[in-house]
Protein backbone atom coordinates (compact mmCIF):
# COMPACT_ATOMS: atom_id res chain seq x y z
CA MET A 1 -24.96 14.58 34.18
CA SER A 2 -23.66 17.84 32.94
CA VAL A 3 -21.39 18.74 29.65
CA ARG A 4 -19.01 19.83 32.44
CA ASP A 5 -18.51 16.15 33.79
CA LEU A 6 -17.58 14.67 30.20
CA ILE A 7 -14.32 17.87 30.14
CA PRO A 8 -11.41 15.91 31.28
CA TRP A 9 -10.43 18.43 33.69
CA SER A 10 -7.13 18.73 35.95
CA ARG A 11 -8.30 19.05 39.74
CA ASN A 12 -4.40 20.81 40.96
CA ASN A 13 -4.82 23.19 43.40
CA GLY A 14 -8.43 23.45 43.32
CA ASN A 15 -8.40 25.09 39.66
CA GLN A 16 -10.34 23.87 36.99
CA VAL A 17 -7.90 24.21 34.08
CA PRO A 18 -8.38 21.93 30.98
CA SER A 19 -5.30 19.69 30.29
CA LEU A 20 -4.13 19.53 26.66
CA PHE A 21 -2.49 15.63 27.53
CA ARG A 22 -3.83 12.87 29.02
CA ASP A 23 -2.12 11.29 31.91
CA GLY A 24 0.07 9.01 29.86
CA ASP A 25 1.19 11.06 27.43
CA ARG A 26 2.57 13.40 29.58
CA ASP A 27 5.92 12.12 29.20
CA PRO A 28 7.57 13.58 26.34
CA PHE A 29 9.48 10.33 25.67
CA LEU A 30 6.35 8.21 25.23
CA SER A 31 4.72 10.56 22.87
CA LEU A 32 7.47 10.59 20.95
CA HIS A 33 7.30 6.86 21.21
CA ARG A 34 3.98 6.67 19.70
CA GLU A 35 4.50 9.16 16.82
CA VAL A 36 7.28 6.88 15.76
CA ASN A 37 5.30 3.72 16.07
CA ARG A 38 2.76 5.30 14.24
CA LEU A 39 4.79 6.87 11.17
CA PHE A 40 6.27 3.31 10.67
CA ASP A 41 2.76 1.45 11.22
CA ASP A 42 1.69 4.35 7.89
CA VAL A 43 5.31 3.82 5.77
CA PHE A 44 4.71 0.04 6.53
CA ARG A 45 1.32 -0.16 5.31
CA SER A 46 1.76 1.51 2.11
CA PHE A 47 3.88 -1.33 1.03
CA ASP A 48 2.21 -3.09 -1.53
CA SER A 49 0.19 -6.59 0.21
CA ARG A 50 2.08 -9.08 -3.05
CA LEU A 51 5.75 -7.94 -1.15
CA PRO A 52 6.48 -11.45 0.91
CA SER A 53 6.88 -11.21 4.48
CA PHE A 54 7.83 -13.90 7.14
CA GLY A 55 4.77 -15.66 8.81
CA ARG A 56 2.53 -15.67 5.93
CA ARG A 57 2.77 -18.12 2.69
CA PHE A 58 3.49 -15.95 -0.89
CA SER A 59 1.06 -17.20 -3.59
CA PHE A 60 1.57 -16.28 -6.57
CA GLY A 61 -1.23 -13.53 -8.94
CA GLU A 62 -0.60 -10.97 -10.88
CA GLY A 63 3.24 -9.21 -11.42
CA TRP A 64 4.52 -12.96 -11.15
CA PRO A 65 6.68 -13.96 -13.35
CA SER A 66 7.90 -11.06 -14.23
CA VAL A 67 8.05 -9.84 -17.84
CA GLU A 68 9.63 -7.16 -20.14
CA ILE A 69 7.66 -5.94 -23.45
CA SER A 70 9.53 -4.85 -26.48
CA ASP A 71 7.51 -3.59 -29.13
CA ASN A 72 8.55 -2.79 -32.93
CA GLU A 73 7.49 -2.32 -36.11
CA LYS A 74 7.84 -6.02 -36.88
CA GLU A 75 7.61 -7.69 -33.75
CA ILE A 76 6.45 -7.84 -29.98
CA LYS A 77 8.85 -9.82 -27.71
CA VAL A 78 7.79 -10.92 -24.39
CA THR A 79 10.40 -12.01 -21.59
CA ALA A 80 9.86 -13.40 -18.65
CA GLU A 81 11.74 -14.57 -15.46
CA VAL A 82 10.89 -17.95 -14.07
CA PRO A 83 13.68 -19.49 -12.07
CA GLY A 84 13.79 -22.37 -10.94
CA LEU A 85 11.64 -24.17 -13.11
CA GLU A 86 11.74 -26.09 -16.48
CA GLU A 87 10.90 -25.81 -20.07
CA LYS A 88 8.10 -28.85 -19.32
CA ASP A 89 6.65 -26.35 -16.35
CA ILE A 90 5.65 -24.14 -18.28
CA GLU A 91 2.68 -23.82 -20.62
CA VAL A 92 2.25 -20.66 -23.21
CA LEU A 93 -1.20 -19.73 -24.94
CA LEU A 94 -2.26 -16.93 -27.50
CA ASP A 95 -5.92 -16.43 -27.38
CA ASP A 96 -8.30 -13.86 -29.36
CA GLY A 97 -5.25 -11.14 -29.06
CA VAL A 98 -3.69 -12.37 -25.13
CA LEU A 99 -0.43 -14.50 -24.05
CA THR A 100 -0.95 -16.68 -21.08
CA LEU A 101 1.65 -17.68 -19.19
CA LYS A 102 1.06 -20.23 -17.05
CA GLY A 103 2.69 -22.93 -14.74
CA GLU A 104 3.82 -24.45 -11.50
CA LYS A 105 6.97 -24.36 -9.12
CA ARG A 106 6.88 -27.59 -7.01
CA SER A 107 8.94 -27.71 -3.92
CA GLU A 108 11.90 -30.29 -3.74
CA THR A 109 11.20 -30.83 -0.23
CA GLU A 110 8.17 -31.63 1.58
CA ASP A 111 6.78 -29.72 4.60
CA LYS A 112 7.66 -31.81 6.75
CA ASP A 113 11.19 -31.61 6.29
CA ARG A 114 11.15 -27.50 5.99
CA GLN A 115 12.66 -25.38 9.15
CA PHE A 116 12.60 -22.35 7.41
CA SER A 117 11.90 -20.91 3.42
CA GLU A 118 12.09 -17.34 1.81
CA ARG A 119 11.22 -19.67 -1.04
CA PHE A 120 8.04 -19.22 -3.78
CA TYR A 121 6.49 -22.43 -4.63
CA GLY A 122 2.76 -22.82 -6.28
CA ARG A 123 0.76 -22.07 -9.46
CA PHE A 124 1.02 -19.39 -11.38
CA GLU A 125 -0.99 -17.51 -14.46
CA ARG A 126 -0.27 -14.09 -16.62
CA ARG A 127 -2.25 -12.91 -19.08
CA ILE A 128 -0.51 -10.04 -21.23
CA PRO A 129 -3.05 -8.33 -23.57
CA LEU A 130 -1.11 -7.82 -27.05
CA GLY A 131 -3.48 -5.06 -28.50
CA VAL A 132 -2.33 -5.81 -32.04
CA GLU A 133 -3.18 -8.57 -34.59
CA VAL A 134 -0.48 -11.27 -34.79
CA GLN A 135 1.06 -14.17 -36.90
CA GLU A 136 0.13 -17.25 -34.54
CA ASP A 137 1.67 -19.76 -36.91
CA LYS A 138 4.91 -17.99 -37.24
CA VAL A 139 5.18 -17.23 -32.63
CA ASP A 140 8.44 -18.76 -31.58
CA ALA A 141 8.71 -19.52 -27.82
CA ARG A 142 12.16 -20.27 -26.34
CA PHE A 143 13.47 -21.22 -23.19
CA LYS A 144 17.25 -20.84 -22.11
CA ASN A 145 18.40 -20.78 -18.13
CA GLY A 146 15.41 -19.82 -16.46
CA VAL A 147 14.33 -17.02 -18.86
CA LEU A 148 11.28 -17.55 -21.32
CA THR A 149 11.14 -15.28 -24.53
CA VAL A 150 8.17 -15.21 -26.86
CA THR A 151 8.74 -13.47 -30.07
CA LEU A 152 5.06 -12.86 -31.72
CA PRO A 153 5.57 -10.98 -35.14
CA LYS A 154 2.96 -8.91 -36.20
CA SER A 155 0.75 -9.10 -39.29
CA GLU A 156 1.03 -7.14 -41.97
CA LYS A 157 -2.46 -5.05 -40.88
CA ALA A 158 -0.84 -4.36 -38.09
CA GLN A 159 2.45 -3.15 -39.48
CA SER A 160 0.69 -0.63 -41.93
CA GLN A 161 -1.33 0.73 -39.09
CA VAL A 162 1.35 2.08 -37.80
CA LYS A 163 1.55 5.66 -38.46
CA ARG A 164 4.49 7.68 -37.60
CA ILE A 165 3.52 11.50 -36.26
CA ALA A 166 5.90 14.43 -36.92
CA ILE A 167 6.70 16.75 -33.87
CA ARG A 168 6.87 20.56 -34.06
CA SER A 169 8.51 22.66 -31.94
């Protein structure tokens, strides 16, 4: 076998002219269709794998529950959205400078009764490193309307370590 046998030559009119297209790519619409499909595949492949999609179960992992963290000179406030849960379903722990939110969202119906569902069920655990010393005995957690708010007062040492830096132009 020679190298010439490996090159896709067109045998039209007896001339050996190299073909730039495979046989299926001669149709410009088919080529456009393949290119558009490839672009859509690239776009959807770039989405975060944690997003729920039809046909697969969503697992609670990092990123749920959604939290908002605010920090000022005196305290850190962590607000977590946990819709569909009650106070008894959530556990708040503080250990070695890490705030942990744990819980479980249970289904109200059995799987055999469910035809279709976009709701999410299961256990979750979210760990939030605080980075400063807090007064553990004064930590306050409140739950209202599916929103958990944890207020963590900073220790005197942590408050005194805040240093303002002047900005020059």
